[in-house]
């Protein structure tokens, strides 16, 4: 959820930057380019807490996935062995 909130905040900053730049008279292809740069800069400077929360959430999720994979090491070893056998068969079948 923190990643979703952080993404929404960044999207809102981008929309705000486009709106302000449009009102300031900027038009054409340069408008979205400058808006992206402005939004990235402002989000880096102002959204530290949501960015840290999103980073911690993603790290915790990666740790959970890694731990779930470690629960079945025998299955992983069997799958690797089967993959190696299949690769060897495919190599020997080629002319």
PDB file of N, CA and C in Angstrom:
ATOM      1  N   UNK A   1       0.802  -1.206   0.000  1.00  0.00           N
ATOM      2  CA  UNK A   1       0.000   0.000   0.000  1.00  0.00           C
ATOM      3  C   UNK A   1       0.851   1.280   0.000  1.00  0.00           C
ATOM      4  N   UNK A   2       1.981   1.303   0.731  1.00  0.00           N
ATOM      5  CA  UNK A   2       2.804   2.521   0.696  1.00  0.00           C
ATOM      6  C   UNK A   2       3.327   2.835  -0.700  1.00  0.00           C
ATOM      7  N   UNK A   3       3.595   1.806  -1.487  1.00  0.00           N
ATOM      8  CA  UNK A   3       4.069   2.041  -2.853  1.00  0.00           C
ATOM      9  C   UNK A   3       2.977   2.699  -3.690  1.00  0.00           C
ATOM     10  N   UNK A   4       1.737   2.274  -3.506  1.00  0.00           N
ATOM     11  CA  UNK A   4       0.605   2.855  -4.217  1.00  0.00           C
ATOM     12  C   UNK A   4       0.426   4.324  -3.838  1.00  0.00           C
ATOM     13  N   UNK A   5       0.522   4.629  -2.559  1.00  0.00           N
ATOM     14  CA  UNK A   5       0.377   6.008  -2.083  1.00  0.00           C
ATOM     15  C   UNK A   5       1.496   6.885  -2.644  1.00  0.00           C
ATOM     16  N   UNK A   6       2.720   6.376  -2.589  1.00  0.00           N
ATOM     17  CA  UNK A   6       3.855   7.138  -3.120  1.00  0.00           C
ATOM     18  C   UNK A   6       3.687   7.397  -4.613  1.00  0.00           C
ATOM     19  N   UNK A   7       3.227   6.388  -5.347  1.00  0.00           N
ATOM     20  CA  UNK A   7       3.014   6.554  -6.788  1.00  0.00           C
ATOM     21  C   UNK A   7       1.923   7.587  -7.071  1.00  0.00           C
ATOM     22  N   UNK A   8       0.853   7.548  -6.281  1.00  0.00           N
ATOM     23  CA  UNK A   8      -0.211   8.534  -6.466  1.00  0.00           C
ATOM     24  C   UNK A   8       0.275   9.949  -6.177  1.00  0.00           C
ATOM     25  N   UNK A   9       1.073  10.100  -5.137  1.00  0.00           N
ATOM     26  CA  UNK A   9       1.608  11.422  -4.817  1.00  0.00           C
ATOM     27  C   UNK A   9       2.507  11.941  -5.936  1.00  0.00           C
ATOM     28  N   UNK A  10       3.331  11.066  -6.488  1.00  0.00           N
ATOM     29  CA  UNK A  10       4.198  11.484  -7.590  1.00  0.00           C
ATOM     30  C   UNK A  10       3.390  11.835  -8.833  1.00  0.00           C
ATOM     31  N   UNK A  11       2.335  11.069  -9.085  1.00  0.00           N
ATOM     32  CA  UNK A  11       1.463  11.358 -10.220  1.00  0.00           C
ATOM     33  C   UNK A  11       0.757  12.706 -10.028  1.00  0.00           C
ATOM     34  N   UNK A  12       0.344  12.972  -8.793  1.00  0.00           N
ATOM     35  CA  UNK A  12      -0.299  14.253  -8.503  1.00  0.00           C
ATOM     36  C   UNK A  12       0.680  15.417  -8.710  1.00  0.00           C
ATOM     37  N   UNK A  13       1.930  15.223  -8.298  1.00  0.00           N
ATOM     38  CA  UNK A  13       2.937  16.265  -8.535  1.00  0.00           C
ATOM     39  C   UNK A  13       3.154  16.485 -10.025  1.00  0.00           C
ATOM     40  N   UNK A  14       3.174  15.410 -10.798  1.00  0.00           N
ATOM     41  CA  UNK A  14       3.327  15.542 -12.240  1.00  0.00           C
ATOM     42  C   UNK A  14       2.150  16.304 -12.850  1.00  0.00           C
ATOM     43  N   UNK A  15       0.942  15.960 -12.432  1.00  0.00           N
ATOM     44  CA  UNK A  15      -0.242  16.667 -12.931  1.00  0.00           C
ATOM     45  C   UNK A  15      -0.229  18.135 -12.544  1.00  0.00           C
ATOM     46  N   UNK A  16       0.168  18.403 -11.310  1.00  0.00           N
ATOM     47  CA  UNK A  16       0.273  19.788 -10.871  1.00  0.00           C
ATOM     48  C   UNK A  16       1.323  20.564 -11.648  1.00  0.00           C
ATOM     49  N   UNK A  17       2.442  19.921 -11.923  1.00  0.00           N
ATOM     50  CA  UNK A  17       3.504  20.582 -12.693  1.00  0.00           C
ATOM     51  C   UNK A  17       3.036  20.874 -14.113  1.00  0.00           C
ATOM     52  N   UNK A  18       2.326  19.914 -14.714  1.00  0.00           N
ATOM     53  CA  UNK A  18       1.801  20.159 -16.067  1.00  0.00           C
ATOM     54  C   UNK A  18       0.817  21.326 -16.044  1.00  0.00           C
ATOM     55  N   UNK A  19      -0.070  21.337 -15.054  1.00  0.00           N
ATOM     56  CA  UNK A  19      -1.055  22.412 -14.965  1.00  0.00           C
ATOM     57  C   UNK A  19      -0.417  23.769 -14.782  1.00  0.00           C
ATOM     58  N   UNK A  20       0.554  23.857 -13.873  1.00  0.00           N
ATOM     59  CA  UNK A  20       1.211  25.146 -13.629  1.00  0.00           C
ATOM     60  C   UNK A  20       2.026  25.612 -14.836  1.00  0.00           C
ATOM     61  N   UNK A  21       2.718  24.690 -15.465  1.00  0.00           N
ATOM     62  CA  UNK A  21       3.500  25.071 -16.642  1.00  0.00           C
ATOM     63  C   UNK A  21       2.606  25.467 -17.807  1.00  0.00           C
ATOM     64  N   UNK A  22       1.469  24.809 -17.935  1.00  0.00           N
ATOM     65  CA  UNK A  22       0.520  25.159 -18.997  1.00  0.00           C
ATOM     66  C   UNK A  22      -0.028  26.567 -18.761  1.00  0.00           C
ATOM     67  N   UNK A  23      -0.372  26.843 -17.493  1.00  0.00           N
ATOM     68  CA  UNK A  23      -0.874  28.176 -17.164  1.00  0.00           C
ATOM     69  C   UNK A  23       0.206  29.248 -17.340  1.00  0.00           C
ATOM     70  N   UNK A  24       1.455  28.841 -17.189  1.00  0.00           N
ATOM     71  CA  UNK A  24       2.557  29.784 -17.366  1.00  0.00           C
ATOM     72  C   UNK A  24       2.849  30.036 -18.845  1.00  0.00           C
ATOM     73  N   UNK A  25       2.184  29.271 -19.733  1.00  0.00           N
ATOM     74  CA  UNK A  25       2.341  29.533 -21.153  1.00  0.00           C
ATOM     75  C   UNK A  25       3.177  28.520 -21.912  1.00  0.00           C
ATOM     76  N   UNK A  26       3.652  27.492 -21.252  1.00  0.00           N
ATOM     77  CA  UNK A  26       4.456  26.492 -21.945  1.00  0.00           C
ATOM     78  C   UNK A  26       3.529  25.546 -22.714  1.00  0.00           C
ATOM     79  N   UNK A  27       3.873  25.255 -23.949  1.00  0.00           N
ATOM     80  CA  UNK A  27       3.059  24.376 -24.774  1.00  0.00           C
ATOM     81  C   UNK A  27       3.983  23.426 -25.541  1.00  0.00           C
ATOM     82  N   UNK A  28       3.400  22.475 -26.227  1.00  0.00           N
ATOM     83  CA  UNK A  28       4.153  21.593 -27.107  1.00  0.00           C
ATOM     84  C   UNK A  28       4.823  20.444 -26.380  1.00  0.00           C
ATOM     85  N   UNK A  29       5.798  19.855 -27.037  1.00  0.00           N
ATOM     86  CA  UNK A  29       6.469  18.669 -26.513  1.00  0.00           C
ATOM     87  C   UNK A  29       7.337  18.974 -25.308  1.00  0.00           C
ATOM     88  N   UNK A  30       7.723  20.224 -25.148  1.00  0.00           N
ATOM     89  CA  UNK A  30       8.570  20.598 -24.024  1.00  0.00           C
ATOM     90  C   UNK A  30       7.808  20.580 -22.694  1.00  0.00           C
ATOM     91  N   UNK A  31       6.502  20.768 -22.749  1.00  0.00           N
ATOM     92  CA  UNK A  31       5.679  20.782 -21.528  1.00  0.00           C
ATOM     93  C   UNK A  31       5.822  19.497 -20.715  1.00  0.00           C
ATOM     94  N   UNK A  32       5.577  18.313 -21.276  1.00  0.00           N
ATOM     95  CA  UNK A  32       5.704  17.107 -20.441  1.00  0.00           C
ATOM     96  C   UNK A  32       7.140  16.815 -20.020  1.00  0.00           C
ATOM     97  N   UNK A  33       8.103  17.186 -20.850  1.00  0.00           N
ATOM     98  CA  UNK A  33       9.505  16.940 -20.503  1.00  0.00           C
ATOM     99  C   UNK A  33       9.900  17.764 -19.279  1.00  0.00           C
ATOM    100  N   UNK A  34       9.588  19.045 -19.316  1.00  0.00           N
ATOM    101  CA  UNK A  34       9.911  19.919 -18.182  1.00  0.00           C
ATOM    102  C   UNK A  34       9.090  19.519 -16.959  1.00  0.00           C
ATOM    103  N   UNK A  35       7.832  19.118 -17.164  1.00  0.00           N
ATOM    104  CA  UNK A  35       6.986  18.698 -16.041  1.00  0.00           C
ATOM    105  C   UNK A  35       7.541  17.458 -15.356  1.00  0.00           C
ATOM    106  N   UNK A  36       8.083  16.532 -16.122  1.00  0.00           N
ATOM    107  CA  UNK A  36       8.693  15.336 -15.520  1.00  0.00           C
ATOM    108  C   UNK A  36       9.890  15.728 -14.666  1.00  0.00           C
ATOM    109  N   UNK A  37      10.742  16.600 -15.182  1.00  0.00           N
ATOM    110  CA  UNK A  37      11.926  17.031 -14.432  1.00  0.00           C
ATOM    111  C   UNK A  37      11.516  17.763 -13.161  1.00  0.00           C
ATOM    112  N   UNK A  38      10.547  18.658 -13.277  1.00  0.00           N
ATOM    113  CA  UNK A  38      10.072  19.405 -12.105  1.00  0.00           C
ATOM    114  C   UNK A  38       9.448  18.462 -11.082  1.00  0.00           C
ATOM    115  N   UNK A  39       8.599  17.550 -11.539  1.00  0.00           N
ATOM    116  CA  UNK A  39       7.929  16.622 -10.629  1.00  0.00           C
ATOM    117  C   UNK A  39       8.926  15.698  -9.944  1.00  0.00           C
ATOM    118  N   UNK A  40       9.932  15.224 -10.677  1.00  0.00           N
ATOM    119  CA  UNK A  40      10.949  14.361 -10.062  1.00  0.00           C
ATOM    120  C   UNK A  40      11.729  15.118  -8.991  1.00  0.00           C
ATOM    121  N   UNK A  41      12.084  16.344  -9.292  1.00  0.00           N
ATOM    122  CA  UNK A  41      12.850  17.145  -8.334  1.00  0.00           C
ATOM    123  C   UNK A  41      12.028  17.435  -7.083  1.00  0.00           C
ATOM    124  N   UNK A  42      10.798  17.865  -7.279  1.00  0.00           N
ATOM    125  CA  UNK A  42       9.936  18.185  -6.134  1.00  0.00           C
ATOM    126  C   UNK A  42       9.635  16.935  -5.325  1.00  0.00           C
ATOM    127  N   UNK A  43       9.388  15.796  -5.983  1.00  0.00           N
ATOM    128  CA  UNK A  43       9.088  14.572  -5.236  1.00  0.00           C
ATOM    129  C   UNK A  43      10.313  14.109  -4.454  1.00  0.00           C
ATOM    130  N   UNK A  44      11.500  14.269  -5.021  1.00  0.00           N
ATOM    131  CA  UNK A  44      12.712  13.892  -4.301  1.00  0.00           C
ATOM    132  C   UNK A  44      12.906  14.758  -3.054  1.00  0.00           C
ATOM    133  N   UNK A  45      12.586  16.035  -3.175  1.00  0.00           N
ATOM    134  CA  UNK A  45      12.788  16.951  -2.059  1.00  0.00           C
ATOM    135  C   UNK A  45      11.690  16.882  -1.004  1.00  0.00           C
ATOM    136  N   UNK A  46      10.466  16.545  -1.395  1.00  0.00           N
ATOM    137  CA  UNK A  46       9.348  16.659  -0.449  1.00  0.00           C
ATOM    138  C   UNK A  46       8.740  15.336   0.004  1.00  0.00           C
ATOM    139  N   UNK A  47       8.965  14.265  -0.715  1.00  0.00           N
ATOM    140  CA  UNK A  47       8.278  13.005  -0.390  1.00  0.00           C
ATOM    141  C   UNK A  47       9.207  11.977   0.249  1.00  0.00           C
ATOM    142  N   UNK A  48      10.026  12.417   1.170  1.00  0.00           N
ATOM    143  CA  UNK A  48      10.987  11.501   1.777  1.00  0.00           C
ATOM    144  C   UNK A  48      10.298  10.406   2.583  1.00  0.00           C
ATOM    145  N   UNK A  49       9.350  10.759   3.443  1.00  0.00           N
ATOM    146  CA  UNK A  49       8.690   9.744   4.282  1.00  0.00           C
ATOM    147  C   UNK A  49       7.921   8.716   3.459  1.00  0.00           C
ATOM    148  N   UNK A  50       7.113   9.139   2.485  1.00  0.00           N
ATOM    149  CA  UNK A  50       6.435   8.122   1.675  1.00  0.00           C
ATOM    150  C   UNK A  50       7.413   7.258   0.868  1.00  0.00           C
ATOM    151  N   UNK A  51       8.508   7.858   0.412  1.00  0.00           N
ATOM    152  CA  UNK A  51       9.501   7.090  -0.347  1.00  0.00           C
ATOM    153  C   UNK A  51      10.175   6.055   0.550  1.00  0.00           C
ATOM    154  N   UNK A  52      10.519   6.442   1.774  1.00  0.00           N
ATOM    155  CA  UNK A  52      11.125   5.497   2.708  1.00  0.00           C
ATOM    156  C   UNK A  52      10.157   4.382   3.085  1.00  0.00           C
ATOM    157  N   UNK A  53       8.886   4.721   3.273  1.00  0.00           N
ATOM    158  CA  UNK A  53       7.882   3.707   3.599  1.00  0.00           C
ATOM    159  C   UNK A  53       7.718   2.726   2.441  1.00  0.00           C
ATOM    160  N   UNK A  54       7.707   3.230   1.217  1.00  0.00           N
ATOM    161  CA  UNK A  54       7.583   2.358   0.044  1.00  0.00           C
ATOM    162  C   UNK A  54       8.808   1.455  -0.082  1.00  0.00           C
ATOM    163  N   UNK A  55       9.976   1.996   0.187  1.00  0.00           N
ATOM    164  CA  UNK A  55      11.198   1.206   0.113  1.00  0.00           C
ATOM    165  C   UNK A  55      11.191   0.097   1.160  1.00  0.00           C
ATOM    166  N   UNK A  56      10.783   0.416   2.377  1.00  0.00           N
ATOM    167  CA  UNK A  56      10.726  -0.593   3.434  1.00  0.00           C
ATOM    168  C   UNK A  56       9.698  -1.665   3.107  1.00  0.00           C
ATOM    169  N   UNK A  57       8.566  -1.269   2.545  1.00  0.00           N
ATOM    170  CA  UNK A  57       7.534  -2.235   2.183  1.00  0.00           C
ATOM    171  C   UNK A  57       8.052  -3.186   1.112  1.00  0.00           C
ATOM    172  N   UNK A  58       8.737  -2.642   0.094  1.00  0.00           N
ATOM    173  CA  UNK A  58       9.271  -3.497  -0.974  1.00  0.00           C
ATOM    174  C   UNK A  58      10.360  -4.427  -0.444  1.00  0.00           C
ATOM    175  N   UNK A  59      11.209  -3.942   0.468  1.00  0.00           N
ATOM    176  CA  UNK A  59      12.255  -4.788   1.039  1.00  0.00           C
ATOM    177  C   UNK A  59      11.644  -5.912   1.871  1.00  0.00           C
ATOM    178  N   UNK A  60      10.612  -5.589   2.643  1.00  0.00           N
ATOM    179  CA  UNK A  60       9.942  -6.624   3.447  1.00  0.00           C
ATOM    180  C   UNK A  60       9.280  -7.658   2.547  1.00  0.00           C
ATOM    181  N   UNK A  61       8.701  -7.208   1.468  1.00  0.00           N
ATOM    182  CA  UNK A  61       8.059  -8.130   0.526  1.00  0.00           C
ATOM    183  C   UNK A  61       9.088  -9.056  -0.117  1.00  0.00           C
ATOM    184  N   UNK A  62      10.235  -8.497  -0.487  1.00  0.00           N
ATOM    185  CA  UNK A  62      11.298  -9.312  -1.078  1.00  0.00           C
ATOM    186  C   UNK A  62      11.821 -10.328  -0.062  1.00  0.00           C
ATOM    187  N   UNK A  63      11.955  -9.914   1.193  1.00  0.00           N
ATOM    188  CA  UNK A  63      12.391 -10.848   2.238  1.00  0.00           C
ATOM    189  C   UNK A  63      11.391 -11.975   2.437  1.00  0.00           C
ATOM    190  N   UNK A  64      10.093 -11.643   2.420  1.00  0.00           N
ATOM    191  CA  UNK A  64       9.067 -12.687   2.565  1.00  0.00           C
ATOM    192  C   UNK A  64       9.124 -13.668   1.411  1.00  0.00           C
ATOM    193  N   UNK A  65       9.282 -13.158   0.212  1.00  0.00           N
ATOM    194  CA  UNK A  65       9.369 -14.050  -0.953  1.00  0.00           C
ATOM    195  C   UNK A  65      10.599 -14.938  -0.872  1.00  0.00           C
ATOM    196  N   UNK A  66      11.710 -14.366  -0.455  1.00  0.00           N
ATOM    197  CA  UNK A  66      12.939 -15.140  -0.316  1.00  0.00           C
ATOM    198  C   UNK A  66      12.768 -16.226   0.746  1.00  0.00           C
ATOM    199  N   UNK A  67      12.102 -15.893   1.838  1.00  0.00           N
ATOM    200  CA  UNK A  67      11.871 -16.864   2.900  1.00  0.00           C
ATOM    201  C   UNK A  67      10.928 -17.965   2.435  1.00  0.00           C
ATOM    202  N   UNK A  68       9.920 -17.620   1.655  1.00  0.00           N
ATOM    203  CA  UNK A  68       8.999 -18.638   1.137  1.00  0.00           C
ATOM    204  C   UNK A  68       9.717 -19.592   0.198  1.00  0.00           C
ATOM    205  N   UNK A  69      10.644 -19.080  -0.582  1.00  0.00           N
ATOM    206  CA  UNK A  69      11.404 -19.935  -1.486  1.00  0.00           C
ATOM    207  C   UNK A  69      12.321 -20.866  -0.712  1.00  0.00           C
ATOM    208  N   UNK A  70      12.833 -20.406   0.428  1.00  0.00           N
ATOM    209  CA  UNK A  70      13.755 -21.220   1.213  1.00  0.00           C
ATOM    210  C   UNK A  70      13.032 -22.364   1.922  1.00  0.00           C
ATOM    211  N   UNK A  71      11.717 -22.324   2.007  1.00  0.00           N
ATOM    212  CA  UNK A  71      10.960 -23.375   2.678  1.00  0.00           C
ATOM    213  C   UNK A  71      11.034 -24.677   1.891  1.00  0.00           C
ATOM    214  N   UNK A  72      11.190 -24.598   0.589  1.00  0.00           N
ATOM    215  CA  UNK A  72      11.175 -25.782  -0.270  1.00  0.00           C
ATOM    216  C   UNK A  72      12.509 -25.955  -1.011  1.00  0.00           C
ATOM    217  N   UNK A  73      13.616 -26.107  -0.305  1.00  0.00           N
ATOM    218  CA  UNK A  73      14.899 -26.220  -1.011  1.00  0.00           C
ATOM    219  C   UNK A  73      15.007 -27.507  -1.831  1.00  0.00           C
ATOM    220  N   UNK A  74      14.397 -28.599  -1.361  1.00  0.00           N
ATOM    221  CA  UNK A  74      14.461 -29.870  -2.099  1.00  0.00           C
ATOM    222  C   UNK A  74      13.748 -29.747  -3.442  1.00  0.00           C
ATOM    223  N   UNK A  75      12.614 -29.090  -3.436  1.00  0.00           N
ATOM    224  CA  UNK A  75      11.867 -28.903  -4.682  1.00  0.00           C
ATOM    225  C   UNK A  75      12.680 -28.058  -5.653  1.00  0.00           C
ATOM    226  N   UNK A  76      13.321 -27.006  -5.142  1.00  0.00           N
ATOM    227  CA  UNK A  76      14.153 -26.165  -6.007  1.00  0.00           C
ATOM    228  C   UNK A  76      15.321 -26.959  -6.580  1.00  0.00           C
ATOM    229  N   UNK A  77      15.935 -27.800  -5.753  1.00  0.00           N
ATOM    230  CA  UNK A  77      17.059 -28.609  -6.230  1.00  0.00           C
ATOM    231  C   UNK A  77      16.589 -29.599  -7.291  1.00  0.00           C
ATOM    232  N   UNK A  78      15.438 -30.210  -7.070  1.00  0.00           N
ATOM    233  CA  UNK A  78      14.894 -31.138  -8.063  1.00  0.00           C
ATOM    234  C   UNK A  78      14.593 -30.428  -9.381  1.00  0.00           C
ATOM    235  N   UNK A  79      14.024 -29.258  -9.297  1.00  0.00           N
ATOM    236  CA  UNK A  79      13.697 -28.501 -10.506  1.00  0.00           C
ATOM    237  C   UNK A  79      14.973 -28.126 -11.261  1.00  0.00           C
ATOM    238  N   UNK A  80      16.006 -27.730 -10.540  1.00  0.00           N
ATOM    239  CA  UNK A  80      17.271 -27.395 -11.192  1.00  0.00           C
ATOM    240  C   UNK A  80      17.876 -28.617 -11.865  1.00  0.00           C
ATOM    241  N   UNK A  81      17.789 -29.767 -11.209  1.00  0.00           N
ATOM    242  CA  UNK A  81      18.314 -31.003 -11.790  1.00  0.00           C
ATOM    243  C   UNK A  81      17.552 -31.363 -13.070  1.00  0.00           C
ATOM    244  N   UNK A  82      16.230 -31.255 -13.024  1.00  0.00           N
ATOM    245  CA  UNK A  82      15.421 -31.551 -14.203  1.00  0.00           C
ATOM    246  C   UNK A  82      15.729 -30.580 -15.347  1.00  0.00           C
ATOM    247  N   UNK A  83      15.906 -29.319 -15.016  1.00  0.00           N
ATOM    248  CA  UNK A  83      16.251 -28.336 -16.041  1.00  0.00           C
ATOM    249  C   UNK A  83      17.602 -28.663 -16.680  1.00  0.00           C
ATOM    250  N   UNK A  84      18.569 -29.071 -15.865  1.00  0.00           N
ATOM    251  CA  UNK A  84      19.891 -29.413 -16.392  1.00  0.00           C
ATOM    252  C   UNK A  84      19.798 -30.622 -17.313  1.00  0.00           C
ATOM    253  N   UNK A  85      18.996 -31.620 -16.933  1.00  0.00           N
ATOM    254  CA  UNK A  85      18.827 -32.795 -17.787  1.00  0.00           C
ATOM    255  C   UNK A  85      18.180 -32.414 -19.117  1.00  0.00           C
ATOM    256  N   UNK A  86      17.164 -31.595 -19.063  1.00  0.00           N
ATOM    257  CA  UNK A  86      16.483 -31.168 -20.282  1.00  0.00           C
ATOM    258  C   UNK A  86      17.424 -30.375 -21.184  1.00  0.00           C
ATOM    259  N   UNK A  87      18.219 -29.499 -20.591  1.00  0.00           N
ATOM    260  CA  UNK A  87      19.187 -28.739 -21.379  1.00  0.00           C
ATOM    261  C   UNK A  87      20.189 -29.671 -22.056  1.00  0.00           C
ATOM    262  N   UNK A  88      20.640 -30.675 -21.331  1.00  0.00           N
ATOM    263  CA  UNK A  88      21.597 -31.634 -21.896  1.00  0.00           C
ATOM    264  C   UNK A  88      20.970 -32.416 -23.042  1.00  0.00           C
ATOM    265  N   UNK A  89      19.728 -32.838 -22.883  1.00  0.00           N
ATOM    266  CA  UNK A  89      19.030 -33.560 -23.949  1.00  0.00           C
ATOM    267  C   UNK A  89      18.860 -32.677 -25.183  1.00  0.00           C
ATOM    268  N   UNK A  90      18.516 -31.434 -24.980  1.00  0.00           N
ATOM    269  CA  UNK A  90      18.340 -30.524 -26.111  1.00  0.00           C
ATOM    270  C   UNK A  90      19.659 -30.282 -26.844  1.00  0.00           C
ATOM    271  N   UNK A  91      20.761 -30.234 -26.107  1.00  0.00           N
ATOM    272  CA  UNK A  91      22.059 -30.025 -26.738  1.00  0.00           C
ATOM    273  C   UNK A  91      22.505 -31.237 -27.558  1.00  0.00           C
ATOM    274  N   UNK A  92      22.209 -32.417 -27.054  1.00  0.00           N
ATOM    275  CA  UNK A  92      22.638 -33.628 -27.759  1.00  0.00           C
ATOM    276  C   UNK A  92      21.740 -33.952 -28.936  1.00  0.00           C
ATOM    277  N   UNK A  93      20.506 -33.484 -28.959  1.00  0.00           N
ATOM    278  CA  UNK A  93      19.574 -33.756 -30.060  1.00  0.00           C
ATOM    279  C   UNK A  93      19.851 -32.889 -31.274  1.00  0.00           C
ATOM    280  N   UNK A  94      20.588 -31.834 -31.137  1.00  0.00           N
ATOM    281  CA  UNK A  94      20.857 -30.936 -32.277  1.00  0.00           C
ATOM    282  C   UNK A  94      21.832 -31.592 -33.229  1.00  0.00           C
ATOM    283  N   UNK A  95      21.653 -31.349 -34.532  1.00  0.00           N
ATOM    284  CA  UNK A  95      22.566 -31.938 -35.523  1.00  0.00           C
ATOM    285  C   UNK A  95      23.927 -31.290 -35.524  1.00  0.00           C
TER     286      UNK A  95
END
